Amino acid sequence: MSDIKRFAQAIALRISDEWSGKHDFPDDAKLLKSVLETLLENNPDQCMLLIGTGIIEENYLDSL
């Protein structure tokens, strides 16, 4: 699996997991994760821009 794919999956999981509506709309949280993964994987430069920000800390990806 490529680094970008792993990063995209981790970022999508993090964002969808922290979405305030995930408990009320679990199917929508799954959809959000799927859409984000696709968008981030298909836009590696944009994906990498998120790493090291308040959205996804750089050390969040250390375990990948």
Protein backbone atom coordinates (compact mmCIF):
# COMPACT_ATOMS: atom_id res chain seq x y z
CA MET A 1 0.00 0.00 0.00
CA SER A 2 1.37 3.42 -0.90
CA ASP A 3 2.15 6.05 1.71
CA ILE A 4 -0.44 8.39 0.23
CA LYS A 5 -3.13 5.71 0.48
CA ARG A 6 -2.23 5.03 4.14
CA PHE A 7 -2.10 8.76 4.92
CA ALA A 8 -5.44 9.34 3.17
CA GLN A 9 -7.05 6.51 5.13
CA ALA A 10 -5.68 7.78 8.44
CA ILE A 11 -6.73 11.37 7.80
CA ALA A 12 -10.20 10.34 6.62
CA LEU A 13 -10.67 8.13 9.67
CA ARG A 14 -9.54 10.90 12.01
CA ILE A 15 -11.83 13.52 10.49
CA SER A 16 -14.88 11.27 10.20
CA ASP A 17 -14.33 9.92 13.72
CA GLU A 18 -14.22 13.43 15.18
CA TRP A 19 -17.24 14.66 13.24
CA SER A 20 -19.88 15.74 15.75
CA GLY A 21 -22.68 14.00 13.85
CA LYS A 22 -21.14 10.54 13.78
CA HIS A 23 -23.25 9.21 16.66
CA ASP A 24 -26.54 10.44 15.24
CA PHE A 25 -25.70 9.56 11.65
CA PRO A 26 -23.27 6.60 11.62
CA ASP A 27 -23.94 5.78 7.97
CA ASP A 28 -23.11 9.37 7.04
CA ALA A 29 -19.86 9.13 9.01
CA LYS A 30 -18.93 6.06 6.93
CA LEU A 31 -19.80 7.96 3.76
CA LEU A 32 -17.72 10.94 4.89
CA LYS A 33 -14.74 8.66 5.52
CA SER A 34 -15.08 7.02 2.11
CA VAL A 35 -15.39 10.33 0.25
CA LEU A 36 -12.45 11.87 2.08
CA GLU A 37 -10.26 8.84 1.41
CA THR A 38 -11.00 9.02 -2.30
CA LEU A 39 -10.45 12.76 -2.52
CA LEU A 40 -7.21 12.70 -0.53
CA GLU A 41 -5.77 9.68 -2.33
CA ASN A 42 -6.49 11.24 -5.71
CA ASN A 43 -4.93 14.56 -4.65
CA PRO A 44 -1.64 13.64 -2.95
CA ASP A 45 -0.36 17.23 -2.79
CA GLN A 46 -3.52 18.33 -1.02
CA CYS A 47 -3.35 15.32 1.28
CA MET A 48 0.21 16.18 2.31
CA LEU A 49 -0.80 19.78 3.07
CA LEU A 50 -2.93 18.53 5.99
CA ILE A 51 -0.08 16.68 7.69
CA GLY A 52 1.54 18.68 10.46
CA THR A 53 -1.47 20.93 11.02
CA GLY A 54 -4.08 21.17 13.74
CA ILE A 55 -6.20 18.90 11.57
CA ILE A 56 -3.73 16.00 11.55
CA GLU A 57 -0.58 16.28 13.65
CA GLU A 58 2.59 14.95 12.05
CA ASN A 59 3.16 12.40 14.82
CA TYR A 60 -0.36 10.97 14.29
CA LEU A 61 1.04 9.17 11.26
CA ASP A 62 4.16 7.81 13.02
CA SER A 63 2.53 4.46 13.71
CA LEU A 64 1.66 3.93 10.05
